[in-house]
Amino acid sequence: MAVEMTVTSELMARAIRVARGLYSRWRVLPAADRERIAPLARDAKDKALSLRGASDRRRAEAELRGATETLAAALVETADADPEVDEEEVRRLRDDLRRELDRLATADIKAARIPREPKPAPE
């Protein structure tokens, strides 16, 4: 149980860090771009803030993961549409964001593989 709790806390912390990083990237966008994808950024932020108090953490983590993936895609699209951002910068951004999201997915898979302690048989 303690191992499971630690893994869940680590997953939660990692998910929140990823969301925070994406939100930070969104905050430095030009005003027009920031406004255009503001609902996505707010959704990711709200889901990250509500994760700690969620009664169904697995569902909340899945919702946060979906929100961060959507925000990451919007950030890449925004960079790709900006004529001042060259292809190499877009590629680097895409790769950086993919790595962050992959780390989150990998951590989730590892957590799912941790064996749980068997429940005692009823007497």
N, C-alpha and C. Protein backbone atom coordinates (compact mmCIF):
# COMPACT_ATOMS: atom_id res chain seq x y z
N MET A 1 0.82 -1.19 0.00
CA MET A 1 0.00 0.00 0.00
C MET A 1 0.87 1.26 0.00
N ALA A 2 1.93 1.27 0.80
CA ALA A 2 2.81 2.43 0.87
C ALA A 2 3.50 2.66 -0.46
N VAL A 3 3.91 1.58 -1.13
CA VAL A 3 4.56 1.72 -2.43
C VAL A 3 3.58 2.30 -3.44
N GLU A 4 2.35 1.80 -3.42
CA GLU A 4 1.33 2.29 -4.34
C GLU A 4 1.05 3.77 -4.09
N MET A 5 0.98 4.17 -2.83
CA MET A 5 0.72 5.56 -2.48
C MET A 5 1.86 6.45 -2.96
N THR A 6 3.11 5.99 -2.80
CA THR A 6 4.27 6.76 -3.25
C THR A 6 4.26 6.91 -4.76
N VAL A 7 3.96 5.82 -5.47
CA VAL A 7 3.92 5.87 -6.92
C VAL A 7 2.83 6.83 -7.38
N THR A 8 1.67 6.76 -6.76
CA THR A 8 0.58 7.66 -7.13
C THR A 8 0.99 9.11 -6.88
N SER A 9 1.64 9.36 -5.76
CA SER A 9 2.09 10.73 -5.46
C SER A 9 3.13 11.19 -6.48
N GLU A 10 4.03 10.29 -6.87
CA GLU A 10 5.03 10.65 -7.87
C GLU A 10 4.38 10.91 -9.22
N LEU A 11 3.43 10.08 -9.61
CA LEU A 11 2.71 10.30 -10.87
C LEU A 11 1.98 11.63 -10.84
N MET A 12 1.34 11.90 -9.73
CA MET A 12 0.59 13.13 -9.59
C MET A 12 1.53 14.33 -9.70
N ALA A 13 2.65 14.26 -9.01
CA ALA A 13 3.61 15.37 -9.06
C ALA A 13 4.15 15.57 -10.47
N ARG A 14 4.43 14.47 -11.15
CA ARG A 14 4.95 14.57 -12.52
C ARG A 14 3.89 15.17 -13.45
N ALA A 15 2.66 14.73 -13.31
CA ALA A 15 1.57 15.24 -14.15
C ALA A 15 1.38 16.74 -13.92
N ILE A 16 1.48 17.15 -12.68
CA ILE A 16 1.33 18.58 -12.36
C ILE A 16 2.50 19.37 -12.92
N ARG A 17 3.72 18.82 -12.83
CA ARG A 17 4.89 19.52 -13.39
C ARG A 17 4.76 19.70 -14.90
N VAL A 18 4.30 18.67 -15.58
CA VAL A 18 4.12 18.77 -17.03
C VAL A 18 3.09 19.85 -17.35
N ALA A 19 1.97 19.83 -16.65
CA ALA A 19 0.93 20.85 -16.89
C ALA A 19 1.47 22.25 -16.59
N ARG A 20 2.23 22.38 -15.51
CA ARG A 20 2.80 23.68 -15.15
C ARG A 20 3.76 24.18 -16.23
N GLY A 21 4.58 23.27 -16.76
CA GLY A 21 5.51 23.64 -17.82
C GLY A 21 4.80 24.11 -19.08
N LEU A 22 3.75 23.41 -19.45
CA LEU A 22 2.97 23.82 -20.63
C LEU A 22 2.29 25.15 -20.39
N TYR A 23 1.75 25.33 -19.20
CA TYR A 23 1.09 26.59 -18.86
C TYR A 23 2.09 27.75 -18.92
N SER A 24 3.30 27.51 -18.46
CA SER A 24 4.34 28.54 -18.52
C SER A 24 4.68 28.91 -19.95
N ARG A 25 4.74 27.90 -20.82
CA ARG A 25 4.99 28.19 -22.23
C ARG A 25 3.86 29.01 -22.82
N TRP A 26 2.63 28.70 -22.43
CA TRP A 26 1.48 29.43 -22.93
C TRP A 26 1.54 30.89 -22.48
N ARG A 27 1.94 31.13 -21.25
CA ARG A 27 1.95 32.49 -20.70
C ARG A 27 2.86 33.45 -21.45
N VAL A 28 3.89 32.95 -22.12
CA VAL A 28 4.83 33.84 -22.81
C VAL A 28 4.50 34.00 -24.30
N LEU A 29 3.41 33.43 -24.74
CA LEU A 29 3.00 33.59 -26.13
C LEU A 29 2.56 35.03 -26.38
N PRO A 30 2.61 35.47 -27.62
CA PRO A 30 2.03 36.78 -27.94
C PRO A 30 0.55 36.80 -27.56
N ALA A 31 0.03 37.98 -27.24
CA ALA A 31 -1.33 38.12 -26.70
C ALA A 31 -2.40 37.45 -27.56
N ALA A 32 -2.33 37.61 -28.85
CA ALA A 32 -3.37 37.04 -29.73
C ALA A 32 -3.35 35.51 -29.68
N ASP A 33 -2.16 34.93 -29.70
CA ASP A 33 -2.04 33.47 -29.62
C ASP A 33 -2.47 32.97 -28.24
N ARG A 34 -2.07 33.71 -27.23
CA ARG A 34 -2.41 33.34 -25.86
C ARG A 34 -3.93 33.33 -25.68
N GLU A 35 -4.58 34.34 -26.20
CA GLU A 35 -6.04 34.44 -26.08
C GLU A 35 -6.74 33.31 -26.85
N ARG A 36 -6.20 32.98 -28.01
CA ARG A 36 -6.82 31.96 -28.85
C ARG A 36 -6.85 30.60 -28.17
N ILE A 37 -5.79 30.23 -27.45
CA ILE A 37 -5.76 28.91 -26.81
C ILE A 37 -5.92 28.99 -25.29
N ALA A 38 -6.37 30.15 -24.81
CA ALA A 38 -6.58 30.34 -23.37
C ALA A 38 -7.49 29.28 -22.75
N PRO A 39 -8.59 28.90 -23.40
CA PRO A 39 -9.45 27.87 -22.77
C PRO A 39 -8.71 26.55 -22.54
N LEU A 40 -7.80 26.20 -23.44
CA LEU A 40 -7.04 24.97 -23.28
C LEU A 40 -6.07 25.07 -22.11
N ALA A 41 -5.43 26.23 -21.99
CA ALA A 41 -4.49 26.45 -20.89
C ALA A 41 -5.22 26.45 -19.55
N ARG A 42 -6.38 27.11 -19.51
CA ARG A 42 -7.16 27.14 -18.27
C ARG A 42 -7.64 25.74 -17.89
N ASP A 43 -8.04 24.96 -18.89
CA ASP A 43 -8.50 23.60 -18.63
C ASP A 43 -7.38 22.76 -18.02
N ALA A 44 -6.18 22.85 -18.59
CA ALA A 44 -5.05 22.09 -18.06
C ALA A 44 -4.72 22.55 -16.63
N LYS A 45 -4.75 23.85 -16.41
CA LYS A 45 -4.45 24.38 -15.08
C LYS A 45 -5.50 23.92 -14.07
N ASP A 46 -6.76 24.02 -14.43
CA ASP A 46 -7.83 23.61 -13.53
C ASP A 46 -7.75 22.13 -13.19
N LYS A 47 -7.46 21.32 -14.19
CA LYS A 47 -7.37 19.88 -13.95
C LYS A 47 -6.15 19.55 -13.08
N ALA A 48 -5.07 20.28 -13.25
CA ALA A 48 -3.88 20.07 -12.41
C ALA A 48 -4.19 20.47 -10.96
N LEU A 49 -4.88 21.57 -10.78
CA LEU A 49 -5.20 22.03 -9.43
C LEU A 49 -6.19 21.10 -8.72
N SER A 50 -7.08 20.50 -9.48
CA SER A 50 -8.09 19.63 -8.86
C SER A 50 -7.59 18.20 -8.66
N LEU A 51 -6.45 17.86 -9.22
CA LEU A 51 -5.95 16.49 -9.13
C LEU A 51 -5.71 16.04 -7.69
N ARG A 52 -5.12 16.89 -6.88
CA ARG A 52 -4.78 16.48 -5.51
C ARG A 52 -6.00 16.12 -4.68
N GLY A 53 -7.09 16.82 -4.88
CA GLY A 53 -8.28 16.56 -4.06
C GLY A 53 -9.27 15.61 -4.72
N ALA A 54 -8.90 15.03 -5.84
CA ALA A 54 -9.83 14.18 -6.57
C ALA A 54 -10.11 12.88 -5.83
N SER A 55 -11.36 12.48 -5.80
CA SER A 55 -11.71 11.21 -5.16
C SER A 55 -11.36 10.03 -6.07
N ASP A 56 -11.41 10.25 -7.37
CA ASP A 56 -11.03 9.22 -8.34
C ASP A 56 -9.76 9.69 -9.05
N ARG A 57 -8.62 9.38 -8.46
CA ARG A 57 -7.35 9.91 -8.98
C ARG A 57 -7.03 9.41 -10.37
N ARG A 58 -7.33 8.14 -10.66
CA ARG A 58 -7.03 7.61 -11.99
C ARG A 58 -7.78 8.39 -13.07
N ARG A 59 -9.04 8.66 -12.80
CA ARG A 59 -9.83 9.42 -13.77
C ARG A 59 -9.29 10.85 -13.89
N ALA A 60 -8.98 11.46 -12.76
CA ALA A 60 -8.47 12.83 -12.76
C ALA A 60 -7.13 12.91 -13.49
N GLU A 61 -6.26 11.90 -13.28
CA GLU A 61 -4.97 11.87 -13.98
C GLU A 61 -5.18 11.71 -15.48
N ALA A 62 -6.12 10.87 -15.88
CA ALA A 62 -6.42 10.67 -17.30
C ALA A 62 -6.95 11.97 -17.92
N GLU A 63 -7.81 12.66 -17.20
CA GLU A 63 -8.34 13.94 -17.70
C GLU A 63 -7.23 14.98 -17.82
N LEU A 64 -6.34 15.01 -16.83
CA LEU A 64 -5.21 15.95 -16.88
C LEU A 64 -4.29 15.60 -18.05
N ARG A 65 -4.04 14.32 -18.24
CA ARG A 65 -3.18 13.89 -19.35
C ARG A 65 -3.79 14.34 -20.68
N GLY A 66 -5.09 14.16 -20.85
CA GLY A 66 -5.76 14.60 -22.07
C GLY A 66 -5.66 16.10 -22.27
N ALA A 67 -5.86 16.84 -21.19
CA ALA A 67 -5.78 18.31 -21.27
C ALA A 67 -4.37 18.78 -21.61
N THR A 68 -3.35 18.13 -21.04
CA THR A 68 -1.97 18.53 -21.34
C THR A 68 -1.59 18.17 -22.76
N GLU A 69 -2.07 17.03 -23.25
CA GLU A 69 -1.79 16.66 -24.64
C GLU A 69 -2.43 17.64 -25.60
N THR A 70 -3.65 18.06 -25.30
CA THR A 70 -4.35 19.03 -26.15
C THR A 70 -3.63 20.37 -26.13
N LEU A 71 -3.21 20.82 -24.95
CA LEU A 71 -2.49 22.09 -24.86
C LEU A 71 -1.14 22.00 -25.58
N ALA A 72 -0.44 20.89 -25.44
CA ALA A 72 0.84 20.72 -26.13
C ALA A 72 0.65 20.79 -27.64
N ALA A 73 -0.39 20.15 -28.15
CA ALA A 73 -0.66 20.19 -29.59
C ALA A 73 -0.97 21.61 -30.05
N ALA A 74 -1.72 22.35 -29.23
CA ALA A 74 -2.04 23.74 -29.58
C ALA A 74 -0.78 24.61 -29.57
N LEU A 75 0.12 24.37 -28.64
CA LEU A 75 1.37 25.14 -28.60
C LEU A 75 2.21 24.87 -29.85
N VAL A 76 2.27 23.62 -30.27
CA VAL A 76 3.02 23.28 -31.49
C VAL A 76 2.36 23.91 -32.71
N GLU A 77 1.05 23.82 -32.81
CA GLU A 77 0.33 24.44 -33.94
C GLU A 77 0.56 25.94 -33.98
N THR A 78 0.56 26.56 -32.82
CA THR A 78 0.78 28.01 -32.74
C THR A 78 2.18 28.36 -33.23
N ALA A 79 3.17 27.61 -32.80
CA ALA A 79 4.54 27.86 -33.25
C ALA A 79 4.68 27.61 -34.75
N ASP A 80 4.03 26.56 -35.22
CA ASP A 80 4.11 26.20 -36.63
C ASP A 80 3.48 27.27 -37.52
N ALA A 81 2.44 27.92 -37.03
CA ALA A 81 1.76 28.96 -37.80
C ALA A 81 2.46 30.32 -37.74
N ASP A 82 3.39 30.48 -36.83
CA ASP A 82 4.10 31.75 -36.66
C ASP A 82 5.22 31.86 -37.69
N PRO A 83 5.16 32.85 -38.58
CA PRO A 83 6.20 32.98 -39.60
C PRO A 83 7.58 33.33 -39.03
N GLU A 84 7.63 33.81 -37.79
CA GLU A 84 8.90 34.16 -37.18
C GLU A 84 9.59 32.96 -36.53
N VAL A 85 8.88 31.83 -36.45
CA VAL A 85 9.45 30.63 -35.85
C VAL A 85 9.82 29.68 -36.99
N ASP A 86 11.12 29.36 -37.08
CA ASP A 86 11.55 28.51 -38.19
C ASP A 86 11.25 27.03 -37.91
N GLU A 87 11.39 26.23 -38.94
CA GLU A 87 11.06 24.80 -38.84
C GLU A 87 11.86 24.08 -37.76
N GLU A 88 13.11 24.45 -37.61
CA GLU A 88 13.96 23.81 -36.60
C GLU A 88 13.44 24.08 -35.19
N GLU A 89 13.01 25.31 -34.93
CA GLU A 89 12.46 25.65 -33.62
C GLU A 89 11.16 24.88 -33.36
N VAL A 90 10.33 24.75 -34.37
CA VAL A 90 9.08 23.99 -34.23
C VAL A 90 9.40 22.53 -33.95
N ARG A 91 10.38 21.98 -34.66
CA ARG A 91 10.77 20.59 -34.45
C ARG A 91 11.28 20.38 -33.02
N ARG A 92 12.11 21.31 -32.54
CA ARG A 92 12.63 21.21 -31.17
C ARG A 92 11.50 21.29 -30.14
N LEU A 93 10.58 22.22 -30.37
CA LEU A 93 9.44 22.35 -29.46
C LEU A 93 8.62 21.06 -29.46
N ARG A 94 8.34 20.54 -30.64
CA ARG A 94 7.57 19.30 -30.75
C ARG A 94 8.28 18.16 -30.01
N ASP A 95 9.59 18.05 -30.22
CA ASP A 95 10.37 16.99 -29.57
C ASP A 95 10.38 17.17 -28.05
N ASP A 96 10.57 18.40 -27.58
CA ASP A 96 10.58 18.67 -26.13
C ASP A 96 9.24 18.29 -25.50
N LEU A 97 8.16 18.71 -26.13
CA LEU A 97 6.85 18.43 -25.58
C LEU A 97 6.53 16.93 -25.64
N ARG A 98 6.94 16.28 -26.71
CA ARG A 98 6.70 14.84 -26.83
C ARG A 98 7.46 14.09 -25.73
N ARG A 99 8.70 14.52 -25.46
CA ARG A 99 9.48 13.89 -24.38
C ARG A 99 8.78 14.03 -23.03
N GLU A 100 8.28 15.23 -22.76
CA GLU A 100 7.57 15.46 -21.49
C GLU A 100 6.35 14.56 -21.37
N LEU A 101 5.56 14.50 -22.44
CA LEU A 101 4.36 13.68 -22.40
C LEU A 101 4.70 12.19 -22.34
N ASP A 102 5.78 11.80 -23.02
CA ASP A 102 6.21 10.40 -22.97
C ASP A 102 6.67 10.01 -21.57
N ARG A 103 7.36 10.91 -20.88
CA ARG A 103 7.79 10.62 -19.50
C ARG A 103 6.58 10.38 -18.60
N LEU A 104 5.57 11.16 -18.82
CA LEU A 104 4.35 11.01 -18.03
C LEU A 104 3.69 9.66 -18.33
N ALA A 105 3.61 9.30 -19.60
CA ALA A 105 3.01 8.02 -19.99
C ALA A 105 3.84 6.85 -19.49
N THR A 106 5.16 6.95 -19.58
CA THR A 106 6.04 5.88 -19.11
C THR A 106 5.90 5.69 -17.61
N ALA A 107 5.81 6.77 -16.88
CA ALA A 107 5.65 6.67 -15.42
C ALA A 107 4.33 5.99 -15.09
N ASP A 108 3.30 6.28 -15.85
CA ASP A 108 1.99 5.67 -15.62
C ASP A 108 2.04 4.17 -15.88
N ILE A 109 2.73 3.76 -16.92
CA ILE A 109 2.85 2.35 -17.25
C ILE A 109 3.63 1.62 -16.16
N LYS A 110 4.73 2.20 -15.70
CA LYS A 110 5.52 1.57 -14.64
C LYS A 110 4.69 1.43 -13.37
N ALA A 111 3.89 2.44 -13.06
CA ALA A 111 3.06 2.38 -11.86
C ALA A 111 2.03 1.27 -11.98
N ALA A 112 1.49 1.08 -13.16
CA ALA A 112 0.49 0.03 -13.35
C ALA A 112 1.09 -1.36 -13.19
N ARG A 113 2.38 -1.51 -13.41
CA ARG A 113 3.04 -2.81 -13.33
C ARG A 113 3.48 -3.19 -11.92
N ILE A 114 3.43 -2.26 -11.01
CA ILE A 114 3.86 -2.57 -9.64
C ILE A 114 2.83 -3.51 -9.03
N PRO A 115 3.28 -4.69 -8.58
CA PRO A 115 2.32 -5.64 -8.01
C PRO A 115 1.76 -5.14 -6.69
N ARG A 116 0.50 -5.39 -6.54
CA ARG A 116 -0.15 -5.02 -5.29
C ARG A 116 -0.05 -6.18 -4.32
N GLU A 117 -0.07 -5.83 -3.05
CA GLU A 117 -0.04 -6.88 -2.02
C GLU A 117 -1.35 -7.65 -2.10
N PRO A 118 -1.28 -8.98 -2.03
CA PRO A 118 -2.51 -9.75 -2.06
C PRO A 118 -3.36 -9.49 -0.82
N LYS A 119 -4.66 -9.48 -1.03
CA LYS A 119 -5.56 -9.28 0.10
C LYS A 119 -5.67 -10.60 0.86
N PRO A 120 -5.73 -10.52 2.16
CA PRO A 120 -5.85 -11.76 2.94
C PRO A 120 -7.17 -12.45 2.62
N ALA A 121 -7.13 -13.76 2.60
CA ALA A 121 -8.33 -14.55 2.32
C ALA A 121 -9.28 -14.44 3.51
N PRO A 122 -10.58 -14.36 3.22
CA PRO A 122 -11.54 -14.30 4.33
C PRO A 122 -11.54 -15.59 5.12
N GLU A 123 -11.70 -15.46 6.38
CA GLU A 123 -11.66 -16.64 7.26
C GLU A 123 -13.01 -17.23 7.48
